[in-house]
Amino acid sequence: MDLPGYGYSEMSKQEKVDSGKFIEDYLVNGKNVRLIILLLDIRHKPTEDDKLMYDFILKENLPFIIVTNKADKIAVTKVDDEVQRIKEILGISYSTIIPFSSERKIYTENAWKEIEKFLA
C-alpha cells in the first residue's frame, strides 16, 4: 500500500482522523503486511506525520525499514550526513536508514537486499 503525500493532502481534520484510523487498522491487522517501508525525503527533516508514523510502528512492534528517497538530489558526499540528521531527529540509534534514488538507480541494491530479507 502506498500513501503518497499522506502528510500533504488537503483533507479535512475529520478525514485525516478517519484515514489515520484506517491506516493503523490495516497495518496492525492486515494479514499480508510483511514489511512497512517508511519513505522519507532525504532533503527535508521528517515531518510531524513522519514522526507519528515512526512512533506508531515502534509502539506496535511492526516490521519496518526506513528508506530515504531522492538521494540523487543531494551531493553524494552529503548523503551520510543527511541520514545521520534524520536519525537524530527521529531518535534512532539502532535502525538502518537506507538512502535510495529511483531516478539514478543509486543505492538500490542495498534497499532490495533489505526488502528481500522480509520476503523470504
C-alpha atoms as a PDB file:
ATOM      1  CA  MET A   1       0.000   0.000   0.000  1.00  0.00           C
ATOM      2  CA  ASP A   2       1.398   3.352  -0.961  1.00  0.00           C
ATOM      3  CA  LEU A   3       0.386   6.525   0.828  1.00  0.00           C
ATOM      4  CA  PRO A   4       1.860   9.219  -1.395  1.00  0.00           C
ATOM      5  CA  GLY A   5       1.681  12.623   0.151  1.00  0.00           C
ATOM      6  CA  TYR A   6      -0.419  11.477   3.096  1.00  0.00           C
ATOM      7  CA  GLY A   7       1.089  14.296   5.130  1.00  0.00           C
ATOM      8  CA  TYR A   8       0.426  16.901   2.463  1.00  0.00           C
ATOM      9  CA  SER A   9      -3.059  16.039   1.309  1.00  0.00           C
ATOM     10  CA  GLU A  10      -5.832  18.583   1.514  1.00  0.00           C
ATOM     11  CA  MET A  11      -8.205  16.641   3.750  1.00  0.00           C
ATOM     12  CA  SER A  12     -10.396  17.982   6.484  1.00  0.00           C
ATOM     13  CA  LYS A  13      -9.355  17.233  10.061  1.00  0.00           C
ATOM     14  CA  GLN A  14     -12.056  14.579  10.306  1.00  0.00           C
ATOM     15  CA  GLU A  15     -10.939  12.940   7.052  1.00  0.00           C
ATOM     16  CA  LYS A  16      -7.362  12.831   8.375  1.00  0.00           C
ATOM     17  CA  VAL A  17      -8.560  11.200  11.606  1.00  0.00           C
ATOM     18  CA  ASP A  18     -10.630   8.663   9.677  1.00  0.00           C
ATOM     19  CA  SER A  19      -7.841   7.781   7.252  1.00  0.00           C
ATOM     20  CA  GLY A  20      -5.377   7.586  10.155  1.00  0.00           C
ATOM     21  CA  LYS A  21      -7.597   5.012  11.865  1.00  0.00           C
ATOM     22  CA  PHE A  22      -7.907   3.062   8.625  1.00  0.00           C
ATOM     23  CA  ILE A  23      -4.117   3.035   8.130  1.00  0.00           C
ATOM     24  CA  GLU A  24      -3.455   1.969  11.706  1.00  0.00           C
ATOM     25  CA  ASP A  25      -6.022  -0.822  11.494  1.00  0.00           C
ATOM     26  CA  TYR A  26      -4.630  -2.020   8.185  1.00  0.00           C
ATOM     27  CA  LEU A  27      -1.023  -2.052   9.433  1.00  0.00           C
ATOM     28  CA  VAL A  28      -1.832  -3.826  12.700  1.00  0.00           C
ATOM     29  CA  ASN A  29      -4.468  -6.284  11.439  1.00  0.00           C
ATOM     30  CA  GLY A  30      -3.568  -6.746   7.776  1.00  0.00           C
ATOM     31  CA  LYS A  31      -2.697 -10.388   7.285  1.00  0.00           C
ATOM     32  CA  ASN A  32      -0.456  -9.764   4.295  1.00  0.00           C
ATOM     33  CA  VAL A  33       1.667  -6.961   5.750  1.00  0.00           C
ATOM     34  CA  ARG A  34       5.198  -8.352   5.820  1.00  0.00           C
ATOM     35  CA  LEU A  35       7.130  -5.103   5.884  1.00  0.00           C
ATOM     36  CA  ILE A  36       6.494  -1.394   6.223  1.00  0.00           C
ATOM     37  CA  ILE A  37       8.804   0.817   4.216  1.00  0.00           C
ATOM     38  CA  LEU A  38       8.735   4.274   5.706  1.00  0.00           C
ATOM     39  CA  LEU A  39       9.778   6.627   2.909  1.00  0.00           C
ATOM     40  CA  LEU A  40      11.344   9.905   3.908  1.00  0.00           C
ATOM     41  CA  ASP A  41      12.663  12.627   1.637  1.00  0.00           C
ATOM     42  CA  ILE A  42      16.382  12.855   2.389  1.00  0.00           C
ATOM     43  CA  ARG A  43      16.356  16.566   1.547  1.00  0.00           C
ATOM     44  CA  HIS A  44      13.948  17.533   4.324  1.00  0.00           C
ATOM     45  CA  LYS A  45      13.687  16.895   8.015  1.00  0.00           C
ATOM     46  CA  PRO A  46      10.952  14.411   8.952  1.00  0.00           C
ATOM     47  CA  THR A  47       7.508  15.972   9.313  1.00  0.00           C
ATOM     48  CA  GLU A  48       5.302  15.600  12.366  1.00  0.00           C
ATOM     49  CA  ASP A  49       3.322  12.992  10.407  1.00  0.00           C
ATOM     50  CA  ASP A  50       6.557  11.089   9.687  1.00  0.00           C
ATOM     51  CA  LYS A  51       7.399  11.140  13.386  1.00  0.00           C
ATOM     52  CA  LEU A  52       3.913   9.952  14.322  1.00  0.00           C
ATOM     53  CA  MET A  53       4.121   7.091  11.828  1.00  0.00           C
ATOM     54  CA  TYR A  54       7.578   6.086  13.067  1.00  0.00           C
ATOM     55  CA  ASP A  55       6.426   6.150  16.699  1.00  0.00           C
ATOM     56  CA  PHE A  56       3.334   4.117  15.807  1.00  0.00           C
ATOM     57  CA  ILE A  57       5.422   1.495  14.011  1.00  0.00           C
ATOM     58  CA  LEU A  58       7.710   1.190  17.044  1.00  0.00           C
ATOM     59  CA  LYS A  59       4.836   1.089  19.543  1.00  0.00           C
ATOM     60  CA  GLU A  60       3.107  -1.677  17.604  1.00  0.00           C
ATOM     61  CA  ASN A  61       6.405  -3.537  17.050  1.00  0.00           C
ATOM     62  CA  LEU A  62       5.787  -3.780  13.303  1.00  0.00           C
ATOM     63  CA  PRO A  63       8.449  -4.928  10.823  1.00  0.00           C
ATOM     64  CA  PHE A  64       9.882  -1.914   9.032  1.00  0.00           C
ATOM     65  CA  ILE A  65      12.784  -0.298   7.278  1.00  0.00           C
ATOM     66  CA  ILE A  66      13.368   3.369   6.599  1.00  0.00           C
ATOM     67  CA  VAL A  67      14.263   4.405   3.072  1.00  0.00           C
ATOM     68  CA  THR A  68      15.256   7.973   2.285  1.00  0.00           C
ATOM     69  CA  ASN A  69      14.362   8.696  -1.298  1.00  0.00           C
ATOM     70  CA  LYS A  70      15.682  11.397  -3.631  1.00  0.00           C
ATOM     71  CA  ALA A  71      19.300  10.741  -2.652  1.00  0.00           C
ATOM     72  CA  ASP A  72      20.250  11.770  -6.186  1.00  0.00           C
ATOM     73  CA  LYS A  73      19.075  15.318  -5.424  1.00  0.00           C
ATOM     74  CA  ILE A  74      21.939  15.976  -2.997  1.00  0.00           C
ATOM     75  CA  ALA A  75      25.698  15.582  -3.289  1.00  0.00           C
ATOM     76  CA  VAL A  76      26.911  12.032  -2.694  1.00  0.00           C
ATOM     77  CA  THR A  77      29.277  13.430  -0.059  1.00  0.00           C
ATOM     78  CA  LYS A  78      26.273  14.753   1.931  1.00  0.00           C
ATOM     79  CA  VAL A  79      24.156  11.581   1.952  1.00  0.00           C
ATOM     80  CA  ASP A  80      25.660  10.157   5.152  1.00  0.00           C
ATOM     81  CA  ASP A  81      25.291  13.500   6.944  1.00  0.00           C
ATOM     82  CA  GLU A  82      21.627  13.761   5.953  1.00  0.00           C
ATOM     83  CA  VAL A  83      20.945  10.187   7.057  1.00  0.00           C
ATOM     84  CA  GLN A  84      22.561  10.976  10.403  1.00  0.00           C
ATOM     85  CA  ARG A  85      20.460  14.145  10.730  1.00  0.00           C
ATOM     86  CA  ILE A  86      17.272  12.146  10.173  1.00  0.00           C
ATOM     87  CA  LYS A  87      18.390   9.577  12.755  1.00  0.00           C
ATOM     88  CA  GLU A  88      18.942  12.329  15.295  1.00  0.00           C
ATOM     89  CA  ILE A  89      15.560  13.930  14.630  1.00  0.00           C
ATOM     90  CA  LEU A  90      13.745  10.595  14.996  1.00  0.00           C
ATOM     91  CA  GLY A  91      15.908   9.483  17.925  1.00  0.00           C
ATOM     92  CA  ILE A  92      17.213   6.435  16.088  1.00  0.00           C
ATOM     93  CA  SER A  93      20.352   4.805  17.373  1.00  0.00           C
ATOM     94  CA  TYR A  94      19.940   1.244  16.140  1.00  0.00           C
ATOM     95  CA  SER A  95      17.953   1.153  12.895  1.00  0.00           C
ATOM     96  CA  THR A  96      19.466   1.383   9.471  1.00  0.00           C
ATOM     97  CA  ILE A  97      18.291   4.114   7.168  1.00  0.00           C
ATOM     98  CA  ILE A  98      18.786   3.260   3.527  1.00  0.00           C
ATOM     99  CA  PRO A  99      19.364   6.053   1.005  1.00  0.00           C
ATOM    100  CA  PHE A 100      17.669   5.497  -2.345  1.00  0.00           C
ATOM    101  CA  SER A 101      17.344   7.059  -5.765  1.00  0.00           C
ATOM    102  CA  SER A 102      14.888   5.644  -8.253  1.00  0.00           C
ATOM    103  CA  GLU A 103      15.909   8.208 -10.839  1.00  0.00           C
ATOM    104  CA  ARG A 104      19.650   7.476 -10.965  1.00  0.00           C
ATOM    105  CA  LYS A 105      19.398   3.939  -9.533  1.00  0.00           C
ATOM    106  CA  ILE A 106      21.981   4.613  -6.835  1.00  0.00           C
ATOM    107  CA  TYR A 107      21.773   2.671  -3.574  1.00  0.00           C
ATOM    108  CA  THR A 108      19.008   0.488  -4.999  1.00  0.00           C
ATOM    109  CA  GLU A 109      20.871  -2.765  -4.394  1.00  0.00           C
ATOM    110  CA  ASN A 110      21.100  -2.076  -0.650  1.00  0.00           C
ATOM    111  CA  ALA A 111      17.399  -1.338  -0.449  1.00  0.00           C
ATOM    112  CA  TRP A 112      16.410  -4.512  -2.286  1.00  0.00           C
ATOM    113  CA  LYS A 113      18.692  -6.635  -0.099  1.00  0.00           C
ATOM    114  CA  GLU A 114      16.898  -5.357   2.999  1.00  0.00           C
ATOM    115  CA  ILE A 115      13.443  -5.805   1.477  1.00  0.00           C
ATOM    116  CA  GLU A 116      14.206  -9.352   0.364  1.00  0.00           C
ATOM    117  CA  LYS A 117      15.065 -10.350   3.949  1.00  0.00           C
ATOM    118  CA  PHE A 118      11.411  -9.857   4.836  1.00  0.00           C
ATOM    119  CA  LEU A 119      10.053 -11.646   1.766  1.00  0.00           C
ATOM    120  CA  ALA A 120      11.944 -14.898   2.245  1.00  0.00           C
END
